[in-house]
N, C-alpha and C. Protein backbone atom coordinates (compact mmCIF):
# COMPACT_ATOMS: atom_id res chain seq x y z
N MET A 1 22.95 -102.63 108.69
CA MET A 1 22.01 -103.07 110.48
C MET A 1 22.65 -104.54 110.17
N ARG A 2 23.33 -104.93 111.24
CA ARG A 2 24.27 -106.26 111.54
C ARG A 2 22.76 -106.98 113.22
N LEU A 3 22.09 -108.28 112.40
CA LEU A 3 21.95 -108.71 113.11
C LEU A 3 22.94 -109.82 113.72
N LEU A 4 22.52 -109.96 115.14
CA LEU A 4 23.44 -110.82 116.31
C LEU A 4 22.79 -111.39 117.05
N PRO A 5 23.05 -112.68 117.19
CA PRO A 5 22.74 -113.67 117.82
C PRO A 5 22.94 -113.43 119.53
N VAL A 6 22.03 -113.54 119.87
CA VAL A 6 22.18 -113.66 121.98
C VAL A 6 21.98 -114.38 122.07
N LEU A 7 22.44 -115.23 123.19
CA LEU A 7 22.21 -116.42 124.21
C LEU A 7 22.29 -115.46 125.25
N ALA A 8 21.12 -115.98 126.45
CA ALA A 8 20.50 -116.06 127.65
C ALA A 8 20.63 -116.75 128.46
N ALA A 9 21.38 -117.26 130.35
CA ALA A 9 20.49 -118.16 130.54
C ALA A 9 20.07 -117.28 131.89
N THR A 10 18.63 -118.24 131.66
CA THR A 10 17.56 -117.43 132.56
C THR A 10 16.84 -118.88 133.46
N SER A 11 16.85 -118.85 134.54
CA SER A 11 16.58 -119.73 136.18
C SER A 11 17.33 -120.94 134.96
N GLY A 12 17.84 -121.14 135.05
CA GLY A 12 18.51 -122.37 134.00
C GLY A 12 18.09 -123.10 133.12
N LEU A 13 17.20 -122.12 131.83
CA LEU A 13 16.79 -122.16 130.59
C LEU A 13 17.61 -121.78 129.78
N LEU A 14 17.99 -122.00 128.68
CA LEU A 14 18.71 -121.26 127.63
C LEU A 14 18.23 -121.05 126.47
N MET A 15 18.10 -119.31 126.68
CA MET A 15 16.57 -118.30 125.31
C MET A 15 17.75 -118.31 124.15
N ALA A 16 17.51 -118.14 123.14
CA ALA A 16 18.02 -117.25 121.89
C ALA A 16 17.43 -116.13 121.40
N SER A 17 17.83 -116.01 121.42
CA SER A 17 16.80 -114.44 120.51
C SER A 17 17.66 -113.39 119.72
N VAL A 18 17.80 -112.98 118.99
CA VAL A 18 18.25 -112.02 117.61
C VAL A 18 18.30 -110.44 118.25
N VAL A 19 19.41 -109.75 118.37
CA VAL A 19 19.11 -107.91 118.87
C VAL A 19 20.10 -107.49 117.58
N ALA A 20 18.92 -106.48 117.05
CA ALA A 20 19.60 -105.53 115.66
C ALA A 20 20.69 -104.60 116.06
N VAL A 21 21.91 -104.90 115.85
CA VAL A 21 22.56 -103.88 115.98
C VAL A 21 22.98 -102.59 115.32
N GLU A 22 22.92 -101.03 115.10
CA GLU A 22 22.91 -100.16 113.76
C GLU A 22 24.37 -99.35 114.37
N PRO A 23 25.48 -99.33 113.39
CA PRO A 23 26.78 -98.75 113.74
C PRO A 23 26.58 -97.24 114.46
N ALA A 24 27.49 -97.22 115.96
CA ALA A 24 27.28 -96.03 116.63
C ALA A 24 27.48 -94.86 116.17
N ARG A 25 26.52 -93.22 116.08
CA ARG A 25 26.93 -92.55 115.77
C ARG A 25 27.56 -91.22 116.30
N ALA A 26 28.28 -90.52 116.54
CA ALA A 26 28.51 -89.81 117.12
C ALA A 26 28.56 -88.33 117.06
N GLU A 27 27.95 -87.63 117.69
CA GLU A 27 28.12 -86.19 117.77
C GLU A 27 29.54 -85.95 117.12
N LEU A 28 29.58 -84.53 116.26
CA LEU A 28 30.65 -83.95 115.78
C LEU A 28 31.07 -82.86 116.08
N PRO A 29 32.92 -82.67 116.31
CA PRO A 29 33.37 -82.06 117.07
C PRO A 29 33.21 -80.96 116.89
N PRO A 30 33.18 -79.36 118.07
CA PRO A 30 32.47 -78.30 117.46
C PRO A 30 33.30 -78.17 116.24
N HIS A 31 34.30 -78.26 115.80
CA HIS A 31 35.25 -77.33 114.73
C HIS A 31 33.88 -77.77 113.11
N VAL A 32 33.70 -78.80 113.30
CA VAL A 32 32.84 -78.63 112.32
C VAL A 32 31.53 -78.25 112.17
N TYR A 33 30.56 -77.70 113.56
CA TYR A 33 29.77 -76.95 113.29
C TYR A 33 30.32 -75.57 113.30
N GLN A 34 31.94 -74.74 113.77
CA GLN A 34 32.02 -73.96 113.42
C GLN A 34 31.71 -73.71 111.41
N GLN A 35 32.69 -74.87 111.23
CA GLN A 35 33.04 -74.25 109.75
C GLN A 35 32.01 -74.57 109.40
N ALA A 36 31.13 -75.06 109.44
CA ALA A 36 29.69 -74.88 108.70
C ALA A 36 29.25 -73.33 108.55
N ARG A 37 29.14 -73.03 109.42
CA ARG A 37 28.58 -71.33 110.15
C ARG A 37 29.48 -69.80 109.18
N ASP A 38 31.08 -70.84 109.36
CA ASP A 38 32.08 -70.30 108.42
C ASP A 38 31.93 -69.83 107.78
N THR A 39 31.42 -70.72 106.69
CA THR A 39 31.11 -71.48 105.33
C THR A 39 29.71 -71.33 104.53
N ALA A 40 29.29 -70.77 105.53
CA ALA A 40 27.86 -70.69 105.01
C ALA A 40 27.73 -69.21 104.05
N GLY A 41 26.66 -69.41 102.82
CA GLY A 41 26.78 -67.95 102.22
C GLY A 41 25.31 -67.27 102.67
N THR A 42 24.64 -68.08 103.60
CA THR A 42 23.73 -66.75 103.80
C THR A 42 23.84 -66.71 105.26
N VAL A 43 23.51 -65.36 105.51
CA VAL A 43 23.95 -65.39 107.32
C VAL A 43 22.26 -64.10 107.43
N VAL A 44 21.56 -64.44 108.58
CA VAL A 44 20.32 -63.36 109.00
C VAL A 44 19.81 -63.62 109.87
N THR A 45 19.20 -62.43 110.97
CA THR A 45 18.69 -62.14 112.09
C THR A 45 17.09 -62.26 111.46
N LEU A 46 16.10 -62.87 111.91
CA LEU A 46 14.95 -63.14 111.82
C LEU A 46 13.87 -62.60 113.07
N ARG A 47 12.85 -62.36 112.32
CA ARG A 47 11.85 -62.28 113.93
C ARG A 47 10.71 -62.98 113.15
N VAL A 48 10.76 -63.90 114.25
CA VAL A 48 10.20 -65.26 114.13
C VAL A 48 8.28 -64.96 113.52
N GLN A 49 7.79 -65.08 112.98
CA GLN A 49 6.72 -65.20 112.80
C GLN A 49 5.21 -66.49 113.26
N SER A 50 5.88 -67.52 112.90
CA SER A 50 5.61 -68.77 113.20
C SER A 50 6.30 -70.35 113.03
N VAL A 51 5.51 -71.42 113.86
CA VAL A 51 7.04 -72.20 114.09
C VAL A 51 5.61 -73.33 113.45
N ARG A 52 5.93 -74.34 112.46
CA ARG A 52 4.81 -75.23 112.25
C ARG A 52 6.03 -76.66 113.17
N ARG A 53 5.23 -76.70 114.12
CA ARG A 53 5.66 -77.71 115.24
C ARG A 53 5.75 -79.32 114.61
N LEU A 54 6.40 -80.05 115.13
CA LEU A 54 5.79 -81.68 114.98
C LEU A 54 4.14 -82.22 114.93
N PRO A 55 3.82 -83.15 114.45
CA PRO A 55 2.30 -83.67 114.78
C PRO A 55 2.38 -84.34 115.76
N ALA A 56 1.60 -84.43 116.47
CA ALA A 56 1.10 -84.78 117.97
C ALA A 56 2.06 -86.05 118.04
N GLY A 57 1.96 -86.66 119.31
CA GLY A 57 2.95 -88.28 119.22
C GLY A 57 4.32 -88.58 118.71
N GLU A 58 4.64 -87.28 117.66
CA GLU A 58 6.05 -87.52 116.77
C GLU A 58 7.24 -86.84 117.68
N THR A 59 8.21 -87.66 117.57
CA THR A 59 9.47 -86.67 118.99
C THR A 59 10.61 -86.45 117.78
N GLN A 60 10.94 -86.47 116.85
CA GLN A 60 11.59 -85.97 116.37
C GLN A 60 11.16 -86.20 114.63
N GLY A 61 11.89 -84.71 114.08
CA GLY A 61 11.31 -84.55 112.62
C GLY A 61 11.80 -83.70 112.19
N THR A 62 10.64 -82.66 111.04
CA THR A 62 11.07 -81.73 110.82
C THR A 62 10.15 -80.43 110.99
N CYS A 63 10.42 -78.95 111.42
CA CYS A 63 9.94 -78.07 111.81
C CYS A 63 9.77 -77.51 110.81
N SER A 64 8.70 -76.07 110.60
CA SER A 64 9.39 -75.31 109.39
C SER A 64 9.28 -73.87 110.20
N LEU A 65 9.96 -72.92 110.38
CA LEU A 65 9.98 -71.80 110.78
C LEU A 65 10.09 -70.53 109.61
N THR A 66 8.96 -69.59 110.08
CA THR A 66 8.45 -68.55 108.72
C THR A 66 9.20 -67.36 110.21
N GLY A 67 10.08 -66.76 109.03
CA GLY A 67 10.41 -65.40 109.45
C GLY A 67 10.48 -64.33 108.76
N ILE A 68 10.29 -63.21 109.36
CA ILE A 68 10.83 -61.78 108.43
C ILE A 68 12.78 -61.38 108.72
N VAL A 69 13.07 -61.44 108.24
CA VAL A 69 14.68 -60.63 107.39
C VAL A 69 14.49 -59.06 108.77
N THR A 70 15.10 -58.95 109.50
CA THR A 70 15.69 -57.90 110.12
C THR A 70 16.54 -57.64 109.67
N GLY A 71 17.69 -58.73 109.90
CA GLY A 71 19.37 -57.62 109.70
C GLY A 71 19.71 -58.82 108.77
N VAL A 72 21.05 -58.54 107.96
CA VAL A 72 21.85 -59.40 106.84
C VAL A 72 23.33 -59.43 107.45
N ASP A 73 23.86 -60.23 107.64
CA ASP A 73 24.99 -60.16 107.54
C ASP A 73 26.43 -60.33 106.84
N ARG A 74 25.17 -61.92 105.61
CA ARG A 74 26.20 -62.24 104.28
C ARG A 74 24.96 -62.85 104.24
N GLY A 75 24.77 -62.36 102.31
CA GLY A 75 23.90 -62.92 101.20
C GLY A 75 23.81 -62.28 100.97
N MET A 76 22.50 -62.22 100.03
CA MET A 76 21.59 -61.22 99.49
C MET A 76 20.15 -61.02 99.50
N ALA A 77 19.97 -61.82 101.04
CA ALA A 77 18.32 -61.51 101.80
C ALA A 77 18.02 -59.78 101.94
N GLN A 78 17.60 -59.61 101.68
CA GLN A 78 16.98 -58.32 102.11
C GLN A 78 15.81 -58.27 103.28
N GLN A 79 16.06 -56.89 103.72
CA GLN A 79 15.30 -57.22 105.01
C GLN A 79 13.91 -56.81 104.72
N GLY A 80 13.10 -57.02 105.29
CA GLY A 80 11.12 -57.33 105.40
C GLY A 80 10.95 -58.91 104.90
N GLN A 81 12.00 -59.18 103.43
CA GLN A 81 12.26 -60.40 103.45
C GLN A 81 11.40 -61.48 103.80
N THR A 82 10.15 -62.08 103.44
CA THR A 82 9.53 -63.52 104.64
C THR A 82 10.68 -64.31 104.11
N VAL A 83 10.99 -65.60 105.19
CA VAL A 83 11.85 -66.30 104.56
C VAL A 83 11.69 -67.61 105.56
N VAL A 84 11.68 -69.13 104.73
CA VAL A 84 11.17 -70.26 104.83
C VAL A 84 12.18 -71.14 104.90
N ILE A 85 12.20 -71.78 106.60
CA ILE A 85 13.36 -73.20 106.94
C ILE A 85 13.02 -73.68 107.34
N ALA A 86 13.94 -75.10 107.04
CA ALA A 86 13.22 -76.05 107.41
C ALA A 86 14.31 -76.45 108.66
N VAL A 87 13.35 -76.60 109.86
CA VAL A 87 14.40 -77.05 111.15
C VAL A 87 14.67 -78.00 111.48
N PRO A 88 15.77 -78.78 112.06
CA PRO A 88 15.59 -80.44 112.73
C PRO A 88 14.77 -79.62 113.40
N CYS A 89 13.77 -80.57 114.76
CA CYS A 89 12.80 -80.82 115.53
C CYS A 89 12.96 -81.71 116.64
N ILE A 90 12.75 -81.64 117.85
CA ILE A 90 12.45 -82.44 118.43
C ILE A 90 10.90 -81.99 119.50
N SER A 91 10.31 -82.73 119.96
CA SER A 91 9.58 -82.84 121.00
C SER A 91 10.34 -82.46 122.84
N PRO A 92 9.24 -82.47 123.89
CA PRO A 92 9.75 -82.81 124.94
C PRO A 92 10.04 -83.95 125.47
N ALA A 93 9.42 -84.57 124.14
CA ALA A 93 9.26 -86.30 125.16
C ALA A 93 10.42 -86.82 123.97
N TRP A 94 10.94 -86.27 123.24
CA TRP A 94 12.09 -87.17 123.03
C TRP A 94 13.42 -87.24 123.71
N GLN A 95 13.29 -88.93 124.24
CA GLN A 95 14.81 -88.80 124.68
C GLN A 95 16.00 -89.39 124.70
N PRO A 96 16.83 -88.70 124.76
CA PRO A 96 18.44 -88.30 124.82
C PRO A 96 19.00 -89.83 124.61
N MET A 97 19.92 -89.82 123.75
CA MET A 97 20.70 -91.20 123.67
C MET A 97 22.11 -90.36 123.13
N PRO A 98 22.92 -91.39 122.69
CA PRO A 98 24.31 -90.49 122.26
C PRO A 98 24.04 -90.37 120.84
N GLY A 99 24.75 -90.55 120.26
CA GLY A 99 25.09 -89.70 118.64
C GLY A 99 24.58 -88.66 118.12
N PRO A 100 24.70 -87.95 117.19
CA PRO A 100 24.47 -86.48 116.49
C PRO A 100 23.05 -86.05 116.73
N PHE A 101 23.62 -84.83 116.46
CA PHE A 101 22.58 -82.66 117.09
C PHE A 101 21.23 -83.59 116.74
N PRO A 102 20.15 -83.96 117.66
CA PRO A 102 18.60 -84.52 116.98
C PRO A 102 17.87 -83.24 116.91
N GLY A 103 18.23 -81.84 117.32
CA GLY A 103 17.47 -81.18 116.19
C GLY A 103 17.03 -80.22 117.70
N TYR A 104 16.45 -79.11 116.94
CA TYR A 104 15.63 -78.02 118.47
C TYR A 104 14.90 -78.09 118.76
N ARG A 105 13.69 -78.02 120.17
CA ARG A 105 13.04 -78.22 120.63
C ARG A 105 11.52 -77.84 119.88
N HIS A 106 11.08 -77.87 119.69
CA HIS A 106 9.68 -77.31 118.80
C HIS A 106 8.96 -76.09 120.02
N ASP A 107 8.44 -76.75 121.45
CA ASP A 107 7.90 -75.76 122.25
C ASP A 107 8.70 -74.80 121.99
N VAL A 108 10.26 -74.51 122.11
CA VAL A 108 11.04 -73.92 122.33
C VAL A 108 10.54 -72.91 121.34
N LEU A 109 10.80 -73.18 120.08
CA LEU A 109 11.51 -72.91 118.58
C LEU A 109 9.87 -71.83 118.85
N GLY A 110 9.00 -72.26 119.30
CA GLY A 110 7.68 -71.84 119.09
C GLY A 110 6.95 -70.64 120.04
N ARG A 111 7.92 -70.49 121.11
CA ARG A 111 8.10 -69.02 121.90
C ARG A 111 9.18 -68.38 121.65
N THR A 112 10.18 -68.53 120.29
CA THR A 112 11.63 -67.50 119.91
C THR A 112 10.42 -66.66 118.99
N GLU A 113 10.97 -64.96 119.81
CA GLU A 113 10.75 -64.50 119.22
C GLU A 113 11.47 -63.19 117.80
N ASN A 114 13.28 -64.07 118.05
CA ASN A 114 14.49 -63.53 117.32
C ASN A 114 15.56 -65.09 116.88
N VAL A 115 15.69 -64.94 115.79
CA VAL A 115 16.59 -66.27 115.71
C VAL A 115 17.74 -65.41 114.76
N ARG A 116 19.40 -65.97 114.99
CA ARG A 116 20.12 -66.13 113.62
C ARG A 116 20.21 -67.53 113.02
N VAL A 117 20.63 -67.08 111.62
CA VAL A 117 20.44 -68.32 111.00
C VAL A 117 21.90 -68.45 110.14
N TYR A 118 22.26 -69.61 110.25
CA TYR A 118 23.29 -70.20 108.68
C TYR A 118 22.63 -70.71 108.13
N MET A 119 22.94 -70.28 106.29
CA MET A 119 22.29 -71.33 105.51
C MET A 119 23.38 -71.24 104.23
N THR A 120 23.60 -72.55 103.39
CA THR A 120 23.84 -72.91 102.05
C THR A 120 23.23 -73.30 101.36
N GLY A 121 23.06 -72.60 100.29
CA GLY A 121 21.73 -72.68 99.11
C GLY A 121 20.66 -73.14 99.58
N GLY A 122 20.27 -72.77 100.45
CA GLY A 122 18.66 -71.69 101.31
C GLY A 122 18.30 -72.75 102.04
N VAL A 123 19.71 -74.54 102.76
CA VAL A 123 19.27 -74.90 104.18
C VAL A 123 20.26 -74.15 105.13
N LEU A 124 19.56 -74.83 106.15
CA LEU A 124 19.74 -74.71 107.25
C LEU A 124 21.33 -75.33 107.49
N ALA A 125 22.07 -74.34 107.92
CA ALA A 125 23.87 -75.14 108.47
C ALA A 125 23.85 -75.99 109.47
N ARG A 126 24.71 -77.13 109.51
CA ARG A 126 24.77 -77.98 110.93
C ARG A 126 24.80 -76.70 111.83
N ARG A 127 23.93 -77.62 113.41
CA ARG A 127 23.34 -76.46 114.24
C ARG A 127 23.71 -75.03 113.56
N GLY A 128 23.25 -74.16 112.92
CA GLY A 128 22.85 -72.99 112.23
C GLY A 128 21.68 -72.04 112.56
N LEU A 129 21.15 -72.23 114.11
CA LEU A 129 20.76 -71.51 114.09
C LEU A 129 21.17 -70.84 115.53
N ASP A 130 20.54 -69.43 116.27
CA ASP A 130 20.96 -68.88 117.66
C ASP A 130 19.42 -68.42 117.64
N ILE A 131 19.17 -68.91 118.95
CA ILE A 131 18.08 -68.46 119.77
C ILE A 131 18.39 -66.96 120.12
N LEU A 132 17.91 -66.09 119.85
CA LEU A 132 18.92 -64.91 120.39
C LEU A 132 18.07 -64.10 121.43
N ASP A 133 16.64 -64.31 122.00
CA ASP A 133 15.60 -63.48 123.22
C ASP A 133 15.85 -64.62 124.34
């Protein structure tokens, strides 16, 4: 992060302040997310049992999704196995801004019945969750 001095003239007065500037972070191109899915070691369909949402007042963070494996497309998971996945989430109060994908809405995940997840090493791939209902 760099600090830049800012000078502004207001009503004939000169004001000086310092503004924090962070490097811009852009959304990745679609092929990056597709490649993460294509190389995921585990691809399973889950029946969602529960979602631990963000704490009250938080707008972005990590939710925990617990589900039962109902289908295995790739990997060593077994049908009927319980899986717990850390999922990047946002609340409805999150304010959109340019940058990388912020996460999935926790209120939507909480109403979801079935998802497909793409994981590598037990970690969700980039944009590796599809809501199926």
